[in-house]
N, C-alpha and C. Protein backbone atom coordinates (compact mmCIF):
# COMPACT_ATOMS: atom_id res chain seq x y z
N MET A 1 27.33 23.21 -52.48
CA MET A 1 26.96 21.75 -52.53
C MET A 1 25.59 21.43 -52.67
N THR A 2 25.56 20.26 -53.63
CA THR A 2 24.63 19.72 -54.13
C THR A 2 23.24 19.28 -53.18
N SER A 3 22.15 19.16 -53.39
CA SER A 3 20.87 18.65 -52.51
C SER A 3 21.48 17.74 -52.29
N ARG A 4 22.05 16.35 -52.67
CA ARG A 4 22.21 15.23 -52.62
C ARG A 4 23.29 15.15 -51.62
N ARG A 5 24.37 15.97 -51.65
CA ARG A 5 25.83 15.74 -50.90
C ARG A 5 25.12 16.48 -49.66
N PHE A 6 24.24 17.50 -49.53
CA PHE A 6 23.69 18.18 -48.29
C PHE A 6 22.89 17.16 -47.73
N SER A 7 21.98 16.31 -47.90
CA SER A 7 21.46 15.16 -47.61
C SER A 7 21.89 14.28 -46.71
N LEU A 8 23.31 13.82 -47.69
CA LEU A 8 24.02 12.50 -47.10
C LEU A 8 24.66 13.44 -45.94
N CYS A 9 25.03 14.66 -46.08
CA CYS A 9 25.69 15.12 -45.03
C CYS A 9 24.65 15.15 -43.70
N ALA A 10 23.17 15.60 -43.96
CA ALA A 10 22.59 15.63 -42.54
C ALA A 10 22.16 14.24 -42.12
N VAL A 11 22.03 13.45 -42.86
CA VAL A 11 22.05 12.25 -42.42
C VAL A 11 23.09 11.73 -41.69
N ALA A 12 24.10 11.96 -41.92
CA ALA A 12 25.57 11.51 -41.18
C ALA A 12 25.43 12.33 -39.79
N CYS A 13 24.94 13.68 -39.89
CA CYS A 13 25.22 14.64 -38.85
C CYS A 13 24.07 13.90 -37.69
N PHE A 14 22.67 13.57 -37.96
CA PHE A 14 21.97 12.99 -37.46
C PHE A 14 22.02 11.69 -36.85
N SER A 15 23.08 10.99 -37.73
CA SER A 15 23.70 9.74 -36.84
C SER A 15 24.37 9.75 -35.86
N ILE A 16 25.08 10.72 -35.72
CA ILE A 16 25.78 11.08 -34.36
C ILE A 16 25.07 11.24 -33.51
N ALA A 17 23.79 11.91 -33.31
CA ALA A 17 23.12 12.40 -32.36
C ALA A 17 22.27 11.00 -31.75
N ALA A 18 21.90 10.09 -33.01
CA ALA A 18 21.03 9.06 -32.81
C ALA A 18 21.73 7.91 -31.93
N ALA A 19 23.33 8.03 -32.14
CA ALA A 19 23.81 6.91 -31.30
C ALA A 19 23.67 7.22 -29.91
N ALA A 20 23.40 8.15 -29.32
CA ALA A 20 23.29 8.10 -27.74
C ALA A 20 22.05 9.30 -27.13
N SER A 21 21.10 9.03 -28.20
CA SER A 21 19.75 10.11 -27.76
C SER A 21 19.00 9.48 -26.91
N ALA A 22 18.03 9.81 -26.17
CA ALA A 22 17.42 9.65 -25.39
C ALA A 22 16.13 8.89 -26.31
N ARG A 23 15.91 8.70 -27.37
CA ARG A 23 14.87 7.95 -28.08
C ARG A 23 14.77 6.44 -27.49
N PRO A 24 13.58 5.98 -27.37
CA PRO A 24 13.22 4.82 -26.98
C PRO A 24 13.57 3.34 -27.50
N VAL A 25 13.72 3.69 -29.04
CA VAL A 25 13.97 2.87 -30.00
C VAL A 25 15.28 3.02 -30.71
N SER A 26 16.07 2.06 -30.87
CA SER A 26 17.63 1.82 -31.05
C SER A 26 17.65 1.36 -32.55
N TYR A 27 18.94 1.12 -32.80
CA TYR A 27 19.07 0.22 -34.24
C TYR A 27 18.75 -1.09 -34.19
N PRO A 28 18.32 -1.60 -35.27
CA PRO A 28 18.09 -3.13 -35.22
C PRO A 28 19.27 -4.02 -34.77
N GLY A 29 18.72 -4.83 -33.85
CA GLY A 29 19.71 -5.62 -33.04
C GLY A 29 20.40 -4.70 -31.70
N GLY A 30 20.10 -3.47 -31.50
CA GLY A 30 21.01 -2.81 -30.39
C GLY A 30 20.28 -2.90 -28.97
N TRP A 31 20.77 -2.75 -28.06
CA TRP A 31 20.40 -3.02 -26.75
C TRP A 31 20.50 -1.50 -25.98
N THR A 32 19.67 -0.91 -25.57
CA THR A 32 19.84 0.47 -24.62
C THR A 32 19.50 0.27 -22.89
N VAL A 33 20.47 0.74 -21.84
CA VAL A 33 20.01 1.01 -21.12
C VAL A 33 19.48 2.48 -20.80
N MET A 34 18.43 2.67 -20.15
CA MET A 34 18.28 4.13 -19.58
C MET A 34 17.64 4.00 -18.47
N GLN A 35 18.41 4.75 -17.77
CA GLN A 35 18.08 5.27 -16.04
C GLN A 35 17.82 6.53 -15.96
N ARG A 36 16.61 7.25 -15.19
CA ARG A 36 16.38 8.36 -15.14
C ARG A 36 16.13 8.54 -13.53
N ASN A 37 16.25 9.66 -12.81
CA ASN A 37 16.40 10.09 -11.56
C ASN A 37 15.72 11.32 -11.66
N THR A 38 14.73 11.69 -11.13
CA THR A 38 13.85 13.17 -11.02
C THR A 38 13.98 13.77 -9.64
N GLY A 39 14.07 12.74 -8.35
CA GLY A 39 13.69 13.46 -7.45
C GLY A 39 12.17 12.73 -7.05
N ASP A 40 11.47 13.01 -7.50
CA ASP A 40 10.11 12.55 -7.70
C ASP A 40 9.71 10.88 -8.01
N PHE A 41 10.73 10.35 -8.80
CA PHE A 41 11.06 8.93 -9.34
C PHE A 41 12.16 8.32 -9.64
N SER A 42 12.33 7.66 -9.70
CA SER A 42 13.75 6.82 -10.14
C SER A 42 13.39 5.77 -11.37
N SER A 43 13.73 5.41 -12.71
CA SER A 43 13.06 4.30 -12.95
C SER A 43 14.60 3.97 -13.78
N LEU A 44 14.09 2.63 -14.43
CA LEU A 44 15.34 2.05 -14.92
C LEU A 44 15.01 1.36 -15.92
N HIS A 45 15.16 1.48 -17.50
CA HIS A 45 14.68 0.68 -18.59
C HIS A 45 15.56 0.12 -19.39
N LEU A 46 15.61 -1.21 -19.74
CA LEU A 46 16.53 -2.09 -20.18
C LEU A 46 15.63 -2.49 -22.06
N HIS A 47 15.92 -2.44 -22.76
CA HIS A 47 15.39 -2.79 -23.98
C HIS A 47 16.34 -3.08 -25.29
N TYR A 48 15.34 -4.03 -25.83
CA TYR A 48 16.24 -4.54 -27.35
C TYR A 48 15.46 -4.03 -28.24
N SER A 49 15.78 -3.79 -29.54
CA SER A 49 15.56 -2.97 -30.89
C SER A 49 15.62 -4.39 -31.80
N PRO A 50 14.70 -4.92 -32.09
CA PRO A 50 14.61 -6.00 -32.88
C PRO A 50 14.48 -5.58 -34.48
N THR A 51 13.91 -4.20 -34.40
CA THR A 51 13.57 -3.44 -35.79
C THR A 51 14.13 -2.16 -35.25
N PHE A 52 14.26 -1.20 -36.62
CA PHE A 52 14.08 0.19 -36.34
C PHE A 52 13.25 0.81 -36.03
N GLN A 53 11.78 0.26 -36.06
CA GLN A 53 10.81 0.81 -35.33
C GLN A 53 10.32 0.10 -34.19
N ASP A 54 10.62 -0.86 -33.53
CA ASP A 54 10.16 -1.63 -31.99
C ASP A 54 11.42 -1.86 -31.35
N SER A 55 11.02 -1.74 -29.96
CA SER A 55 11.98 -2.17 -28.96
C SER A 55 11.21 -2.72 -27.90
N VAL A 56 11.66 -3.52 -26.88
CA VAL A 56 10.77 -4.28 -26.09
C VAL A 56 11.62 -4.56 -24.75
N GLY A 57 11.56 -4.51 -23.53
CA GLY A 57 12.11 -5.13 -22.59
C GLY A 57 11.78 -4.76 -20.91
N ALA A 58 12.88 -4.64 -20.38
CA ALA A 58 12.00 -4.54 -18.67
C ALA A 58 12.05 -3.13 -18.48
N TYR A 59 11.20 -2.66 -17.62
CA TYR A 59 10.68 -1.60 -16.93
C TYR A 59 10.55 -1.52 -15.38
N VAL A 60 11.01 -0.77 -14.47
CA VAL A 60 10.85 -0.41 -13.12
C VAL A 60 11.07 0.99 -12.78
N GLU A 61 10.19 1.17 -11.97
CA GLU A 61 10.02 2.56 -11.27
C GLU A 61 9.44 2.44 -10.04
N GLN A 62 10.11 3.43 -8.89
CA GLN A 62 9.97 3.91 -7.79
C GLN A 62 9.82 5.05 -7.79
N ASN A 63 8.34 5.09 -7.26
CA ASN A 63 7.91 6.53 -7.65
C ASN A 63 7.59 7.44 -6.01
N TRP A 64 8.70 8.17 -5.79
CA TRP A 64 8.75 8.30 -4.20
C TRP A 64 7.83 9.32 -3.94
N ALA A 65 6.97 10.27 -4.93
CA ALA A 65 5.82 11.24 -4.68
C ALA A 65 4.69 10.65 -4.60
N ASP A 66 4.76 9.23 -4.93
CA ASP A 66 3.08 8.61 -4.87
C ASP A 66 3.38 7.17 -4.17
N ASP A 67 4.45 6.90 -3.81
CA ASP A 67 4.91 5.81 -2.65
C ASP A 67 4.29 4.68 -3.45
N TYR A 68 4.74 4.14 -4.36
CA TYR A 68 4.82 3.04 -5.09
C TYR A 68 5.67 2.74 -5.89
N THR A 69 5.74 1.34 -6.08
CA THR A 69 6.99 0.56 -7.20
C THR A 69 6.25 -0.14 -8.15
N PHE A 70 6.29 0.23 -9.40
CA PHE A 70 6.10 -0.70 -10.61
C PHE A 70 7.29 -1.64 -11.46
N ALA A 71 6.96 -2.66 -11.84
CA ALA A 71 8.01 -3.36 -12.21
C ALA A 71 7.05 -4.29 -13.56
N GLY A 72 7.74 -4.20 -14.67
CA GLY A 72 6.65 -5.23 -15.75
C GLY A 72 7.35 -4.80 -16.98
N ALA A 73 6.82 -5.17 -18.27
CA ALA A 73 7.53 -5.04 -19.68
C ALA A 73 7.22 -3.78 -20.23
N GLN A 74 7.65 -3.11 -21.18
CA GLN A 74 7.66 -1.98 -21.86
C GLN A 74 7.61 -2.32 -23.30
N TYR A 75 6.92 -1.92 -24.16
CA TYR A 75 7.06 -1.69 -25.73
C TYR A 75 6.94 -0.14 -25.98
N ASN A 76 7.91 -0.01 -27.11
CA ASN A 76 8.40 1.06 -27.82
C ASN A 76 7.86 0.87 -29.36
N ARG A 77 7.14 1.78 -29.81
CA ARG A 77 6.93 1.99 -31.47
C ARG A 77 7.35 2.87 -31.93
N LEU A 78 8.15 3.38 -32.77
CA LEU A 78 8.27 4.36 -33.89
C LEU A 78 7.28 4.47 -34.64
N LEU A 79 5.82 5.46 -34.54
CA LEU A 79 4.97 5.70 -35.19
C LEU A 79 5.38 6.34 -36.36
N ARG A 80 5.93 7.04 -36.33
CA ARG A 80 6.40 8.07 -37.86
C ARG A 80 7.43 8.79 -37.67
N ARG A 81 8.32 8.81 -38.38
CA ARG A 81 9.69 9.57 -38.56
C ARG A 81 9.54 10.48 -39.78
N TRP A 82 10.19 11.68 -39.53
CA TRP A 82 10.14 12.59 -41.00
C TRP A 82 11.75 13.15 -41.00
N ASN A 83 12.19 13.11 -41.90
CA ASN A 83 13.54 13.51 -42.30
C ASN A 83 13.49 14.48 -43.17
N ALA A 84 14.34 15.46 -42.72
CA ALA A 84 14.54 16.77 -43.84
C ALA A 84 16.00 16.81 -44.01
N PRO A 85 16.57 17.96 -44.88
CA PRO A 85 17.81 17.66 -44.93
C PRO A 85 18.18 18.39 -43.51
N GLY A 86 17.78 19.30 -42.78
CA GLY A 86 18.25 19.69 -41.74
C GLY A 86 17.76 19.54 -40.47
N SER A 87 16.88 18.80 -40.53
CA SER A 87 15.98 18.37 -39.42
C SER A 87 15.40 16.85 -39.28
N GLN A 88 15.06 16.38 -38.50
CA GLN A 88 14.33 15.08 -38.28
C GLN A 88 13.53 15.39 -37.04
N ALA A 89 12.18 14.60 -37.00
CA ALA A 89 11.20 14.57 -36.25
C ALA A 89 10.75 13.17 -35.88
N ASN A 90 10.32 12.68 -34.74
CA ASN A 90 9.78 11.29 -34.34
C ASN A 90 8.91 11.38 -33.62
N LEU A 91 8.05 10.38 -33.67
CA LEU A 91 6.65 10.17 -32.79
C LEU A 91 6.55 9.03 -32.44
N TYR A 92 6.37 8.40 -31.16
CA TYR A 92 6.53 7.31 -30.53
C TYR A 92 5.23 6.67 -29.59
N LEU A 93 4.99 5.56 -29.28
CA LEU A 93 4.27 4.96 -28.63
C LEU A 93 4.88 3.96 -27.56
N ASN A 94 4.50 4.17 -26.51
CA ASN A 94 4.78 3.65 -25.33
C ASN A 94 4.04 2.97 -24.57
N LEU A 95 3.91 2.02 -24.54
CA LEU A 95 3.12 0.53 -23.86
C LEU A 95 3.54 0.09 -22.58
N GLY A 96 3.31 -0.13 -21.36
CA GLY A 96 3.75 -0.97 -20.27
C GLY A 96 2.50 -1.72 -19.49
N ALA A 97 2.83 -3.25 -19.03
CA ALA A 97 2.39 -3.86 -18.30
C ALA A 97 2.73 -4.62 -17.44
N GLY A 98 2.55 -4.73 -16.15
CA GLY A 98 3.32 -4.95 -14.74
C GLY A 98 2.64 -5.25 -13.87
N TYR A 99 2.89 -4.99 -12.52
CA TYR A 99 2.36 -4.97 -10.92
C TYR A 99 2.90 -4.14 -10.59
N ALA A 100 2.06 -3.66 -9.31
CA ALA A 100 2.62 -2.42 -9.02
C ALA A 100 2.01 -2.91 -7.34
N GLU A 101 2.95 -1.91 -6.40
CA GLU A 101 3.11 -2.37 -5.00
C GLU A 101 3.00 -1.09 -4.14
N SER A 102 2.58 -0.65 -3.35
CA SER A 102 2.78 0.49 -2.89
C SER A 102 3.97 0.05 -1.72
N PHE A 103 4.61 1.18 -1.23
CA PHE A 103 6.04 1.09 -0.54
C PHE A 103 5.56 0.62 0.74
N ASP A 104 4.81 0.67 1.47
CA ASP A 104 4.29 -0.14 2.97
C ASP A 104 3.42 -1.71 2.73
N GLY A 105 3.50 -2.14 1.53
CA GLY A 105 2.96 -3.02 0.84
C GLY A 105 1.62 -3.46 1.31
N SER A 106 0.78 -2.38 1.73
CA SER A 106 -0.89 -2.49 1.78
C SER A 106 -1.88 -2.59 0.69
N GLU A 107 -0.76 -2.20 -0.78
CA GLU A 107 -1.63 -2.49 -2.10
C GLU A 107 -1.04 -3.08 -2.85
N GLN A 108 -1.63 -3.73 -3.70
CA GLN A 108 -0.91 -4.38 -4.64
C GLN A 108 -1.64 -4.82 -5.90
N ASP A 109 -1.44 -4.60 -7.27
CA ASP A 109 -2.47 -4.78 -8.19
C ASP A 109 -1.94 -4.98 -9.67
N LEU A 110 -2.36 -5.29 -10.41
CA LEU A 110 -1.75 -5.68 -12.09
C LEU A 110 -1.76 -3.95 -12.11
N ALA A 111 -0.92 -3.70 -13.02
CA ALA A 111 -0.57 -2.09 -13.59
C ALA A 111 -0.28 -2.09 -14.86
N GLY A 112 -0.70 -0.66 -15.65
CA GLY A 112 -0.38 -0.65 -17.03
C GLY A 112 0.02 0.94 -17.02
N PHE A 113 0.39 1.52 -18.20
CA PHE A 113 0.42 2.54 -18.53
C PHE A 113 0.58 2.72 -20.07
N ALA A 114 0.63 3.85 -20.45
CA ALA A 114 0.40 3.98 -21.83
C ALA A 114 0.41 5.89 -22.27
N GLY A 115 1.70 5.81 -23.36
CA GLY A 115 2.10 7.30 -23.45
C GLY A 115 2.41 7.43 -25.28
N LEU A 116 2.88 8.55 -25.00
CA LEU A 116 3.37 9.30 -26.31
C LEU A 116 4.40 10.21 -26.08
N ALA A 117 5.54 10.15 -27.39
CA ALA A 117 6.34 10.86 -27.02
C ALA A 117 6.55 11.29 -28.53
N ALA A 118 7.40 12.85 -28.64
CA ALA A 118 7.58 13.30 -29.86
C ALA A 118 8.54 14.23 -30.01
N ASP A 119 9.65 13.98 -30.67
CA ASP A 119 10.67 15.23 -30.51
C ASP A 119 11.01 15.84 -31.97
N TRP A 120 11.59 16.60 -31.97
CA TRP A 120 12.01 18.10 -33.36
C TRP A 120 13.56 18.05 -33.00
N GLU A 121 14.46 17.83 -33.88
CA GLU A 121 15.79 18.36 -33.82
C GLU A 121 16.76 19.02 -34.98
N THR A 122 17.46 19.79 -35.01
CA THR A 122 18.43 20.15 -35.72
C THR A 122 20.03 19.94 -35.04
N ARG A 123 20.65 20.28 -35.78
CA ARG A 123 21.93 20.07 -34.94
C ARG A 123 22.38 21.35 -34.21
N ARG A 124 21.38 22.00 -34.29
CA ARG A 124 21.57 23.31 -33.11
C ARG A 124 20.27 23.30 -32.13
N TYR A 125 19.29 22.98 -32.47
CA TYR A 125 18.03 23.17 -31.60
C TYR A 125 17.48 21.88 -31.55
N PHE A 126 16.50 21.88 -30.29
CA PHE A 126 15.90 20.41 -29.75
C PHE A 126 14.25 21.07 -29.47
N LEU A 127 13.20 20.31 -29.61
CA LEU A 127 12.08 20.02 -28.97
C LEU A 127 11.58 18.88 -28.64
N SER A 128 10.70 18.62 -27.56
CA SER A 128 10.10 17.30 -27.45
C SER A 128 8.60 17.74 -26.30
N TYR A 129 8.22 16.58 -26.64
CA TYR A 129 6.83 16.45 -25.76
C TYR A 129 6.73 14.99 -25.18
N GLN A 130 6.43 14.55 -24.20
CA GLN A 130 5.72 13.26 -23.68
C GLN A 130 4.76 13.19 -22.71
N ALA A 131 3.82 12.71 -22.94
CA ALA A 131 2.77 12.58 -21.84
C ALA A 131 2.69 10.54 -21.31
N ARG A 132 2.38 10.51 -20.60
CA ARG A 132 1.78 9.04 -19.92
C ARG A 132 0.96 9.03 -18.81
N ALA A 133 0.12 8.27 -19.11
CA ALA A 133 -1.45 7.68 -18.20
C ALA A 133 -0.92 6.88 -17.28
N TYR A 134 -0.75 6.55 -16.10
CA TYR A 134 -0.83 4.90 -15.42
C TYR A 134 -2.13 4.74 -14.75
N ASP A 135 -2.25 3.40 -14.96
CA ASP A 135 -3.53 2.57 -13.89
C ASP A 135 -2.73 1.67 -13.05
N LEU A 136 -2.77 1.96 -12.11
CA LEU A 136 -2.07 1.31 -11.01
C LEU A 136 -2.86 -0.13 -10.20
N GLY A 137 -4.21 0.10 -10.93
CA GLY A 137 -5.30 -0.83 -10.06
C GLY A 137 -5.74 -0.01 -8.91
N PHE A 138 -4.90 0.20 -7.81
CA PHE A 138 -5.18 0.94 -6.52
C PHE A 138 -5.10 2.38 -6.96
N ASP A 139 -4.51 2.89 -8.27
CA ASP A 139 -4.66 4.48 -8.19
C ASP A 139 -4.46 4.85 -9.48
N GLN A 140 -4.40 6.01 -9.81
CA GLN A 140 -4.63 6.26 -11.37
C GLN A 140 -3.61 7.70 -11.37
N SER A 141 -2.69 7.79 -12.64
CA SER A 141 -2.07 9.26 -12.46
C SER A 141 -1.70 9.44 -13.80
N ALA A 142 -0.93 10.84 -13.99
CA ALA A 142 -0.71 11.24 -15.41
C ALA A 142 0.38 12.38 -15.31
N ARG A 143 1.16 12.09 -16.20
CA ARG A 143 2.11 13.44 -16.03
C ARG A 143 2.72 13.60 -17.75
N GLN A 144 2.81 14.94 -17.54
CA GLN A 144 3.43 15.33 -19.22
C GLN A 144 4.40 15.92 -18.76
N ALA A 145 5.41 16.00 -20.08
CA ALA A 145 6.76 17.05 -19.83
C ALA A 145 7.15 17.62 -21.33
N ALA A 146 7.59 18.75 -21.44
CA ALA A 146 7.99 19.37 -22.80
C ALA A 146 9.62 20.06 -22.27
N ARG A 147 10.20 19.75 -23.51
CA ARG A 147 11.77 20.57 -23.30
C ARG A 147 11.79 21.37 -24.43
N ALA A 148 12.59 22.10 -24.26
CA ALA A 148 13.52 23.09 -25.35
C ALA A 148 14.77 23.28 -25.41
N GLY A 149 15.86 22.94 -25.93
CA GLY A 149 17.32 22.67 -25.81
C GLY A 149 17.89 23.55 -27.18
N ILE A 150 19.32 23.74 -26.65
CA ILE A 150 19.93 24.54 -27.50
C ILE A 150 21.39 24.28 -27.53
N ALA A 151 22.30 23.70 -28.83
CA ALA A 151 23.51 23.31 -28.76
C ALA A 151 24.52 24.50 -28.66
N PRO A 152 25.17 24.88 -27.58
CA PRO A 152 26.37 26.14 -27.70
C PRO A 152 27.00 26.08 -28.92
N TYR A 153 27.61 24.96 -29.19
CA TYR A 153 28.33 24.64 -30.21
C TYR A 153 28.24 23.75 -31.17
N ILE A 154 28.61 23.16 -32.24
CA ILE A 154 28.00 22.39 -33.10
C ILE A 154 29.51 21.22 -33.59
N GLY A 155 29.51 20.08 -32.49
CA GLY A 155 30.61 19.04 -32.90
C GLY A 155 30.72 18.37 -33.76
N ASP A 156 31.97 17.69 -33.94
CA ASP A 156 32.07 17.05 -35.34
C ASP A 156 32.22 15.65 -34.82
N PHE A 157 32.01 14.49 -35.32
CA PHE A 157 31.83 12.91 -34.81
C PHE A 157 33.18 12.90 -34.20
N GLY A 158 32.60 12.08 -33.23
CA GLY A 158 33.78 11.70 -32.15
C GLY A 158 33.79 12.89 -30.77
N ASP A 159 33.27 13.90 -31.01
CA ASP A 159 33.34 15.26 -30.15
C ASP A 159 32.50 14.93 -28.80
N LEU A 160 32.70 15.63 -27.84
CA LEU A 160 31.68 15.66 -26.79
C LEU A 160 30.65 16.67 -26.72
N HIS A 161 29.43 16.44 -27.28
CA HIS A 161 28.29 17.11 -27.86
C HIS A 161 27.62 17.58 -26.69
N THR A 162 27.20 18.88 -26.53
CA THR A 162 26.51 19.31 -25.31
C THR A 162 25.20 20.26 -25.55
N TRP A 163 24.49 19.57 -24.74
CA TRP A 163 22.76 20.73 -24.96
C TRP A 163 22.74 21.43 -23.71
N LEU A 164 22.33 22.64 -23.82
CA LEU A 164 21.37 23.35 -22.83
C LEU A 164 19.83 23.21 -22.74
N MET A 165 19.26 22.82 -22.08
CA MET A 165 17.73 22.44 -21.85
C MET A 165 17.00 23.03 -20.66
N VAL A 166 15.42 23.22 -20.99
CA VAL A 166 14.53 23.16 -20.16
C VAL A 166 13.66 22.46 -20.02
N GLU A 167 13.32 21.88 -18.86
CA GLU A 167 12.17 20.91 -19.16
C GLU A 167 11.14 21.51 -18.15
N VAL A 168 9.92 21.74 -18.48
CA VAL A 168 8.58 22.03 -17.84
C VAL A 168 7.69 20.67 -17.62
N GLU A 169 7.74 19.94 -16.63
CA GLU A 169 6.64 18.80 -16.16
C GLU A 169 5.49 19.32 -15.44
N ASN A 170 4.59 18.69 -16.01
CA ASN A 170 3.11 18.86 -15.03
C ASN A 170 2.44 17.64 -14.89
N VAL A 171 2.43 17.33 -13.17
CA VAL A 171 1.74 16.11 -12.76
C VAL A 171 0.56 16.78 -11.82
N PRO A 172 -0.67 16.65 -12.33
CA PRO A 172 -1.75 17.18 -11.92
C PRO A 172 -2.07 16.61 -10.46
N GLU A 173 -1.68 15.58 -9.75
CA GLU A 173 -2.01 15.43 -8.58
C GLU A 173 -0.48 15.63 -7.99
N ALA A 174 0.42 16.13 -8.49
CA ALA A 174 1.24 16.27 -7.31
C ALA A 174 1.36 17.72 -6.12
N GLU A 175 2.05 17.69 -5.34
CA GLU A 175 2.16 18.77 -4.26
C GLU A 175 2.50 19.88 -4.94
N THR A 176 3.27 19.65 -5.80
CA THR A 176 3.63 20.82 -6.92
C THR A 176 3.42 20.64 -8.44
N PRO A 177 2.37 21.15 -8.86
CA PRO A 177 1.83 20.40 -10.49
C PRO A 177 2.82 20.78 -11.48
N VAL A 178 3.36 21.94 -11.15
CA VAL A 178 4.24 22.42 -12.51
C VAL A 178 5.33 22.66 -12.02
N THR A 179 6.46 22.05 -12.70
CA THR A 179 7.90 22.35 -12.19
C THR A 179 8.70 22.43 -13.32
N VAL A 180 9.98 23.40 -13.36
CA VAL A 180 10.58 24.04 -14.11
C VAL A 180 12.16 23.47 -13.80
N THR A 181 12.70 22.79 -14.73
CA THR A 181 14.02 22.15 -14.44
C THR A 181 15.10 22.49 -15.56
N PRO A 182 16.00 23.27 -15.49
CA PRO A 182 17.04 23.61 -16.37
C PRO A 182 17.98 22.54 -16.26
N LEU A 183 18.64 22.28 -17.37
CA LEU A 183 19.59 21.02 -17.49
C LEU A 183 20.61 20.83 -18.41
N VAL A 184 21.49 20.19 -18.32
CA VAL A 184 22.92 20.22 -19.03
C VAL A 184 22.61 18.45 -19.94
N ARG A 185 22.58 18.35 -21.36
CA ARG A 185 22.87 17.10 -21.67
C ARG A 185 24.23 16.86 -21.90
N PHE A 186 25.07 15.88 -21.81
CA PHE A 186 26.51 16.11 -22.66
C PHE A 186 26.33 14.28 -23.44
N PHE A 187 26.75 13.89 -24.44
CA PHE A 187 27.07 12.62 -25.02
C PHE A 187 28.07 12.52 -25.70
N TYR A 188 28.64 11.25 -25.49
CA TYR A 188 29.87 11.35 -26.12
C TYR A 188 29.96 9.89 -26.65
N GLY A 189 30.34 9.42 -27.87
CA GLY A 189 30.15 7.97 -28.00
C GLY A 189 28.40 7.30 -28.31
N VAL A 190 28.32 6.28 -27.20
CA VAL A 190 27.28 5.76 -26.97
C VAL A 190 26.60 6.15 -25.76
N GLN A 191 27.43 7.22 -25.29
CA GLN A 191 27.17 7.53 -23.67
C GLN A 191 26.28 8.96 -23.65
N LEU A 192 25.21 9.06 -22.71
CA LEU A 192 24.62 10.00 -22.51
C LEU A 192 24.25 10.60 -21.23
N VAL A 193 24.55 11.47 -20.47
CA VAL A 193 24.34 11.85 -19.24
C VAL A 193 24.08 13.34 -19.00
N GLU A 194 22.51 13.50 -18.10
CA GLU A 194 21.83 14.80 -18.20
C GLU A 194 21.92 14.81 -16.47
N ILE A 195 21.64 16.36 -16.43
CA ILE A 195 22.40 16.88 -14.96
C ILE A 195 21.44 17.82 -15.06
N GLY A 196 20.47 18.06 -13.97
CA GLY A 196 19.73 19.14 -13.69
C GLY A 196 19.28 19.54 -12.52
N TYR A 197 18.38 20.51 -12.20
CA TYR A 197 18.13 21.08 -10.97
C TYR A 197 16.86 21.92 -10.99
N THR A 198 15.37 21.36 -9.79
CA THR A 198 14.53 21.88 -10.18
C THR A 198 14.20 22.60 -8.77
N PRO A 199 14.29 24.10 -8.98
CA PRO A 199 14.11 24.95 -7.62
C PRO A 199 12.81 24.60 -6.92
N GLU A 200 11.86 24.63 -7.68
CA GLU A 200 10.42 24.39 -7.06
C GLU A 200 10.67 23.11 -5.79
N THR A 201 10.96 22.00 -6.22
CA THR A 201 10.92 20.73 -5.29
C THR A 201 12.79 20.78 -4.54
N GLU A 202 13.18 21.58 -5.04
CA GLU A 202 14.71 21.67 -4.19
C GLU A 202 15.39 20.11 -4.82
N ARG A 203 15.19 19.64 -5.85
CA ARG A 203 15.86 18.29 -6.26
C ARG A 203 16.43 18.05 -7.43
N PHE A 204 17.44 17.47 -7.66
CA PHE A 204 18.21 17.32 -8.78
C PHE A 204 17.98 16.02 -9.90
N MET A 205 17.84 16.62 -10.95
CA MET A 205 17.46 15.44 -12.01
C MET A 205 19.21 14.59 -12.11
N ALA A 206 18.91 13.43 -12.38
CA ALA A 206 20.51 12.89 -12.95
C ALA A 206 19.62 11.74 -13.97
N ASN A 207 20.13 11.90 -15.37
CA ASN A 207 19.98 10.83 -16.11
C ASN A 207 21.12 10.28 -16.72
N TRP A 208 20.93 8.87 -17.16
CA TRP A 208 22.29 8.00 -17.57
C TRP A 208 21.66 7.18 -18.89
N ILE A 209 22.27 6.96 -20.13
CA ILE A 209 21.59 6.29 -21.26
C ILE A 209 22.86 5.55 -21.73
N VAL A 210 22.89 4.25 -22.14
CA VAL A 210 23.94 3.66 -22.81
C VAL A 210 23.58 2.79 -24.04
N ARG A 211 23.85 3.10 -25.19
CA ARG A 211 23.75 2.07 -26.11
C ARG A 211 24.28 0.97 -26.54
N PHE A 212 24.39 -0.18 -26.97
CA PHE A 212 25.47 -1.15 -26.96
C PHE A 212 24.84 -2.11 -28.08
């Protein structure tokens, strides 16, 4: 196989994964719904991508661990993408601004967050890292997480794709600062579902993403 044919094949393979990946920027004109539930917090992010580098939308988070609700706008920017014949890597910026309120209503304030996210993958292996810092006005917090994954089989276009992953999360202010969550990721077409379990907190993870 020539280098040109190999490169075209690699692009096609990665386009399969990009259709339902967890990345915060979609194709130009695309909409994405991203729902996450870790047990410590639940979030919903709806965004629109006017370009292949940018997306903007609404973000709502209910944080059960810290007892607050955040609602506002989120902007995502693809800072850099590295394409190779057999792999792809990405670096993203996440910015949010809105309003936060404690569950009992005793504290409310303007709030915001800033974060970075990076990933690298082949058709077999996956690595990612993300960090985010919050300023709620009445409280500040931060969290970071890293993942490693492997695909037990290499599917073709139109197949159900499966990843086995492990996520390590660090929330310094939490009762359990470091947690390890084994999870399974499935994606088919434009749908992505993740299911996992965290033994340290005895809580389930359930994430869902759809692009349209």
